[in-house]
Amino acid sequence: MASEIFHRPGQTADPASAVVPQMFSKMLLASMYNDLGIFQRFVNFSAEVAEAGESVRVPILPHTEAVNVSMTDGTYTNQVVTPTKETITINKWKALPYRIVDSVQWQNNVALESKLALDGGKSVREAADEDVLAEIDGISNSVGAYTTAISETILTQAFEKLMEARLRPDMNPLDFTWILPHTALHQIKNSAYFAAQYYTGDQVGGGSSSLKVSSLFKIPVFFVYSANLLHSGDARFGVLAHKEAFGVAMQSNPRYIDKGYVNGALAKEYVVDCLYGVEALRPDYACKVLLNGSK
């Protein structure tokens, strides 16, 4: 009787393991990133610092009001207009450095270098978005409460707050952005109020037709998982913001650098980095939305 190389089902010994290789898949399961592009929703001064400079000073005109002119002698009262300024400092330098040993570079089956470069670009872009989110906590205008769920009343109250700054989110919705914590998604989806087409912008029956909610009151909305939107426990906050509420300036787009071999090692270092600045320019052009994510 010939010797069996492969055993029948139920037998524990497996001589095949001595001759059958273990293979790595050519598919690399990369990490997930928000990669939302929130950074690009606000006024961008990147061109001002593309060549040089450590900061951008942004002049801001105050609101002015017309004065009466006398019908008898044409006199009027002069109005003093004093511009203010805010400064965007280029002080945020984010990088994803990594090292690949030569043996791994030769033997890997997944084009590791190029995939890590792609991963690095997503990582630094996510960091830029997070720095914008970090500015929200300093906004003084707020509606809602940390003890209640989000509602249509709370969101329309955010509109009213911005109208006090003479903004018109109802007439120029694309100049504004909702940024809401991820725990607001189920609250929005569970509200029949937002199922109507004319609130969500959805052309096939409103927010209830799919998981994605692309807009609220025709204003683009981002649902974000971020520690920067956490107050404490289940208490969270988001924001309704005009594009001039925050200013951004990216001096260096994400770049990929091959630094070459490490001294004393057969390994190469690579870095993906980005240099930029973020600043709240007009805080009264934004309103925080407070909510409790467990409701």
Protein backbone atom coordinates (compact mmCIF):
# COMPACT_ATOMS: atom_id res chain seq x y z
CA MET A 1 0.00 0.00 0.00
CA ALA A 2 1.35 3.43 -0.98
CA SER A 3 2.10 5.96 1.75
CA GLU A 4 -0.46 8.75 2.14
CA ILE A 5 0.91 12.29 1.86
CA PHE A 6 -2.34 14.06 2.71
CA HIS A 7 -4.47 12.72 5.52
CA ARG A 8 -8.18 12.26 5.39
CA PRO A 9 -10.49 14.70 7.24
CA GLY A 10 -10.53 14.08 10.97
CA GLN A 11 -6.87 13.12 11.27
CA THR A 12 -4.69 15.59 13.15
CA ALA A 13 -1.26 14.95 11.64
CA ASP A 14 -0.60 17.06 8.53
CA PRO A 15 2.64 16.28 6.65
CA ALA A 16 1.48 18.72 3.95
CA SER A 17 2.56 21.63 6.17
CA ALA A 18 6.18 20.70 5.44
CA VAL A 19 5.83 21.25 1.71
CA VAL A 20 2.94 23.69 1.18
CA PRO A 21 4.15 27.33 1.45
CA GLN A 22 2.37 30.08 3.37
CA MET A 23 1.75 33.07 1.09
CA PHE A 24 1.23 36.76 1.84
CA SER A 25 -1.61 38.33 -0.10
CA LYS A 26 -0.76 41.07 -2.60
CA MET A 27 -3.63 43.04 -1.10
CA LEU A 28 -2.55 45.30 1.76
CA LEU A 29 -5.40 46.27 4.09
CA ALA A 30 -4.62 49.94 4.71
CA SER A 31 -5.89 52.02 7.62
CA MET A 32 -8.96 54.16 7.18
CA TYR A 33 -8.87 57.96 7.49
CA ASN A 34 -11.58 60.60 7.67
CA ASP A 35 -9.99 62.39 4.68
CA LEU A 36 -13.01 64.71 4.55
CA GLY A 37 -11.48 67.89 3.16
CA ILE A 38 -12.89 70.13 5.92
CA PHE A 39 -9.69 72.18 5.58
CA GLN A 40 -10.84 73.23 2.10
CA ARG A 41 -14.26 74.48 3.24
CA PHE A 42 -12.79 77.69 4.68
CA VAL A 43 -11.10 80.72 3.18
CA ASN A 44 -7.70 79.66 1.95
CA PHE A 45 -4.62 81.89 1.95
CA SER A 46 -2.14 79.28 0.72
CA ALA A 47 -1.15 81.39 -2.30
CA GLU A 48 0.02 84.17 0.06
CA VAL A 49 2.72 81.98 1.60
CA ALA A 50 3.52 79.65 -1.29
CA GLU A 51 6.97 81.19 -1.82
CA ALA A 52 7.93 82.50 1.63
CA GLY A 53 6.69 83.87 4.93
CA GLU A 54 5.84 82.61 8.39
CA SER A 55 2.41 84.23 8.74
CA VAL A 56 -0.46 85.87 6.88
CA ARG A 57 -2.04 89.02 8.31
CA VAL A 58 -5.66 89.21 7.23
CA PRO A 59 -7.32 92.68 7.38
CA ILE A 60 -10.99 92.63 8.38
CA LEU A 61 -13.40 95.51 7.84
CA PRO A 62 -16.08 96.15 10.47
CA HIS A 63 -19.75 96.49 9.65
CA THR A 64 -20.62 100.06 8.72
CA GLU A 65 -23.95 101.87 8.62
CA ALA A 66 -25.08 104.67 6.33
CA VAL A 67 -25.61 108.05 8.00
CA ASN A 68 -28.23 110.71 7.41
CA VAL A 69 -27.44 113.72 5.26
CA SER A 70 -29.16 117.02 5.99
CA MET A 71 -31.64 118.03 3.30
CA THR A 72 -31.04 121.72 4.06
CA ASP A 73 -27.27 122.12 4.06
CA GLY A 74 -25.93 118.67 3.03
CA THR A 75 -24.01 118.11 6.25
CA TYR A 76 -23.43 114.68 7.70
CA THR A 77 -21.57 113.01 10.56
CA ASN A 78 -18.28 111.35 9.73
CA GLN A 79 -18.03 107.71 10.63
CA VAL A 80 -14.76 106.29 11.92
CA VAL A 81 -13.99 102.94 10.31
CA THR A 82 -11.20 100.98 12.01
CA PRO A 83 -10.19 97.74 10.32
CA THR A 84 -8.90 94.93 12.51
CA LYS A 85 -6.58 92.08 11.61
CA GLU A 86 -6.09 88.43 12.42
CA THR A 87 -2.89 86.50 11.85
CA ILE A 88 -2.61 82.98 10.47
CA THR A 89 0.73 81.66 11.69
CA ILE A 90 2.34 78.86 9.73
CA ASN A 91 3.25 76.79 12.77
CA LYS A 92 1.79 73.33 12.22
CA TRP A 93 4.23 70.88 10.70
CA LYS A 94 2.89 67.37 10.49
CA ALA A 95 4.77 64.34 9.21
CA LEU A 96 4.52 60.59 8.87
CA PRO A 97 8.09 59.18 8.92
CA TYR A 98 8.75 55.50 8.32
CA ARG A 99 11.71 53.19 7.70
CA ILE A 100 11.81 50.14 5.44
CA VAL A 101 14.61 47.62 5.91
CA ASP A 102 16.13 46.41 2.63
CA SER A 103 15.18 42.80 3.23
CA VAL A 104 11.55 43.84 3.67
CA GLN A 105 11.74 46.07 0.60
CA TRP A 106 13.00 43.13 -1.51
CA GLN A 107 10.73 40.47 -0.09
CA ASN A 108 7.42 42.29 0.43
CA ASN A 109 4.59 41.34 -1.88
CA VAL A 110 2.44 44.48 -1.65
CA ALA A 111 4.39 47.47 -3.13
CA LEU A 112 4.93 48.67 0.43
CA GLU A 113 6.75 51.92 -0.37
CA SER A 114 4.06 53.38 -2.62
CA LYS A 115 1.24 52.30 -0.33
CA LEU A 116 2.89 53.88 2.71
CA ALA A 117 3.35 57.10 0.74
CA LEU A 118 -0.38 57.15 -0.04
CA ASP A 119 -1.16 56.39 3.59
CA GLY A 120 1.07 59.26 4.69
CA GLY A 121 -0.74 61.76 2.48
CA LYS A 122 -4.07 60.77 4.01
CA SER A 123 -2.57 60.97 7.50
CA VAL A 124 -1.34 64.56 7.19
CA ARG A 125 -4.55 65.72 5.49
CA GLU A 126 -6.55 64.23 8.35
CA ALA A 127 -4.28 66.07 10.80
CA ALA A 128 -5.05 69.36 9.00
CA ASP A 129 -8.78 68.71 9.32
CA GLU A 130 -8.35 67.95 13.03
CA ASP A 131 -6.59 71.28 13.57
CA VAL A 132 -9.58 73.07 12.05
CA LEU A 133 -11.90 71.10 14.35
CA ALA A 134 -9.77 72.13 17.35
CA GLU A 135 -10.71 75.77 16.69
CA ILE A 136 -14.42 75.08 17.17
CA ASP A 137 -14.21 74.78 20.96
CA GLY A 138 -13.25 78.46 21.20
CA ILE A 139 -16.47 79.67 19.52
CA SER A 140 -18.64 81.58 22.01
CA ASN A 141 -21.97 81.50 20.13
CA SER A 142 -23.88 78.33 20.95
CA VAL A 143 -27.32 76.73 20.76
CA GLY A 144 -28.70 73.48 22.18
CA ALA A 145 -27.63 71.74 25.36
CA TYR A 146 -25.30 68.93 26.39
CA THR A 147 -28.31 67.09 27.85
CA THR A 148 -30.54 66.90 24.77
CA ALA A 149 -30.55 65.48 21.25
CA ILE A 150 -30.14 67.63 18.17
CA SER A 151 -33.39 68.90 16.65
CA GLU A 152 -34.73 71.10 13.88
CA THR A 153 -35.32 73.85 16.46
CA ILE A 154 -31.70 73.81 17.57
CA LEU A 155 -30.41 73.90 14.01
CA THR A 156 -32.65 76.80 13.01
CA GLN A 157 -31.55 78.64 16.16
CA ALA A 158 -27.99 78.33 14.84
CA PHE A 159 -29.22 80.12 11.70
CA GLU A 160 -30.69 82.87 13.85
CA LYS A 161 -27.40 83.34 15.71
CA LEU A 162 -25.54 83.89 12.45
CA MET A 163 -28.24 86.26 11.22
CA GLU A 164 -27.32 88.47 14.17
CA ALA A 165 -23.96 88.88 12.42
CA ARG A 166 -25.92 89.84 9.26
CA LEU A 167 -25.17 86.56 7.54
CA ARG A 168 -27.76 84.84 5.37
CA PRO A 169 -27.36 81.06 5.40
CA ASP A 170 -30.84 80.81 3.91
CA MET A 171 -29.80 82.72 0.77
CA ASN A 172 -26.17 81.58 0.33
CA PRO A 173 -26.09 78.01 1.72
CA LEU A 174 -22.91 76.91 -0.06
CA ASP A 175 -20.93 79.58 1.81
CA PHE A 176 -21.64 77.66 5.03
CA THR A 177 -20.73 74.26 6.46
CA TRP A 178 -22.23 72.02 9.13
CA ILE A 179 -19.66 69.99 11.06
CA LEU A 180 -21.41 67.62 13.45
CA PRO A 181 -20.18 64.79 15.71
CA HIS A 182 -20.82 61.31 14.38
CA THR A 183 -23.33 60.66 17.18
CA ALA A 184 -25.67 63.23 15.60
CA LEU A 185 -26.18 61.02 12.55
CA HIS A 186 -28.75 58.69 14.12
CA GLN A 187 -30.56 61.69 15.62
CA ILE A 188 -30.87 63.28 12.19
CA LYS A 189 -31.88 60.01 10.52
CA ASN A 190 -34.53 59.29 13.15
CA SER A 191 -36.19 62.68 12.69
CA ALA A 192 -39.12 62.70 10.27
CA TYR A 193 -38.52 66.43 9.91
CA PHE A 194 -35.37 65.82 7.89
CA ALA A 195 -36.93 63.22 5.60
CA ALA A 196 -38.41 65.92 3.39
CA GLN A 197 -36.51 66.58 0.18
CA TYR A 198 -36.38 70.34 0.59
CA TYR A 199 -34.53 70.07 3.94
CA THR A 200 -31.89 67.53 3.00
CA GLY A 201 -31.22 68.31 -0.65
CA ASP A 202 -31.74 64.65 -1.49
CA GLN A 203 -33.62 64.27 -4.78
CA VAL A 204 -35.19 60.89 -4.01
CA GLY A 205 -37.08 61.34 -0.82
CA GLY A 206 -34.79 63.06 1.62
CA GLY A 207 -32.42 61.91 4.32
CA SER A 208 -34.21 58.62 4.97
CA SER A 209 -33.47 57.24 1.48
CA SER A 210 -29.86 56.31 2.31
CA LEU A 211 -27.40 56.41 5.17
CA LYS A 212 -25.59 59.39 3.69
CA VAL A 213 -26.87 62.84 4.58
CA SER A 214 -25.10 65.24 2.24
CA SER A 215 -26.76 68.44 3.37
CA LEU A 216 -29.08 70.00 5.91
CA PHE A 217 -31.14 72.96 4.70
CA LYS A 218 -29.06 72.77 1.48
CA ILE A 219 -25.87 73.39 3.51
CA PRO A 220 -23.12 70.74 3.13
CA VAL A 221 -22.74 68.60 6.26
CA PHE A 222 -19.85 66.53 7.61
CA PHE A 223 -20.38 63.93 10.33
CA VAL A 224 -17.05 63.45 12.07
CA TYR A 225 -15.61 61.08 14.65
CA SER A 226 -13.12 63.28 16.51
CA ALA A 227 -11.97 63.87 20.07
CA ASN A 228 -11.97 67.59 19.19
CA LEU A 229 -15.79 67.49 19.19
CA LEU A 230 -16.03 65.81 22.59
CA HIS A 231 -16.99 67.87 25.64
CA SER A 232 -17.19 65.06 28.21
CA GLY A 233 -18.91 61.69 28.37
CA ASP A 234 -21.72 61.73 25.80
CA ALA A 235 -21.74 65.52 25.63
CA ARG A 236 -20.53 66.67 22.22
CA PHE A 237 -20.67 69.69 19.96
CA GLY A 238 -20.55 70.65 16.31
CA VAL A 239 -20.71 73.93 14.43
CA LEU A 240 -22.46 75.88 11.72
CA ALA A 241 -19.78 78.08 10.17
CA HIS A 242 -19.43 80.59 7.36
CA LYS A 243 -16.37 80.10 5.14
CA GLU A 244 -14.73 83.20 6.67
CA ALA A 245 -15.10 81.94 10.25
CA PHE A 246 -11.74 80.19 9.93
CA GLY A 247 -8.72 80.85 7.78
CA VAL A 248 -6.22 78.28 6.54
CA ALA A 249 -2.91 78.54 4.76
CA MET A 250 -0.92 75.57 3.49
CA GLN A 251 2.67 76.52 2.72
CA SER A 252 3.61 73.04 1.58
CA ASN A 253 1.21 70.53 0.10
CA PRO A 254 1.82 67.00 1.39
CA ARG A 255 5.20 65.99 -0.04
CA TYR A 256 6.96 62.65 -0.21
CA ILE A 257 10.68 62.58 0.66
CA ASP A 258 13.05 59.67 0.12
CA LYS A 259 15.74 60.40 2.72
CA GLY A 260 17.96 57.58 1.59
CA TYR A 261 19.85 55.06 3.68
CA VAL A 262 20.05 55.33 7.46
CA ASN A 263 23.58 55.57 8.83
CA GLY A 264 24.79 52.17 10.00
CA ALA A 265 21.77 50.29 8.65
CA LEU A 266 20.62 48.70 5.42
CA ALA A 267 17.32 50.53 5.59
CA LYS A 268 15.83 53.59 3.95
CA GLU A 269 13.83 56.37 5.62
CA TYR A 270 10.85 58.06 4.02
CA VAL A 271 8.76 61.02 5.19
CA VAL A 272 5.44 62.49 4.10
CA ASP A 273 5.02 65.98 5.57
CA CYS A 274 2.96 69.17 5.35
CA LEU A 275 3.39 72.73 6.72
CA TYR A 276 0.35 74.93 7.33
CA GLY A 277 -1.54 77.24 9.67
CA VAL A 278 -5.12 77.52 10.95
CA GLU A 279 -6.81 80.43 12.73
CA ALA A 280 -10.30 81.57 13.75
CA LEU A 281 -10.73 84.79 11.75
CA ARG A 282 -14.32 85.78 12.49
CA PRO A 283 -15.60 83.75 15.47
CA ASP A 284 -19.00 85.48 15.33
CA TYR A 285 -19.45 83.88 11.89
CA ALA A 286 -19.80 80.48 13.56
CA CYS A 287 -22.19 78.94 16.09
CA LYS A 288 -21.58 75.82 18.17
CA VAL A 289 -24.31 73.19 18.26
CA LEU A 290 -24.40 71.37 21.62
CA LEU A 291 -25.93 67.92 21.95
CA ASN A 292 -25.90 64.65 23.85
CA GLY A 293 -24.86 61.76 21.64
CA SER A 294 -26.66 59.08 23.66
CA LYS A 295 -30.15 60.50 23.15
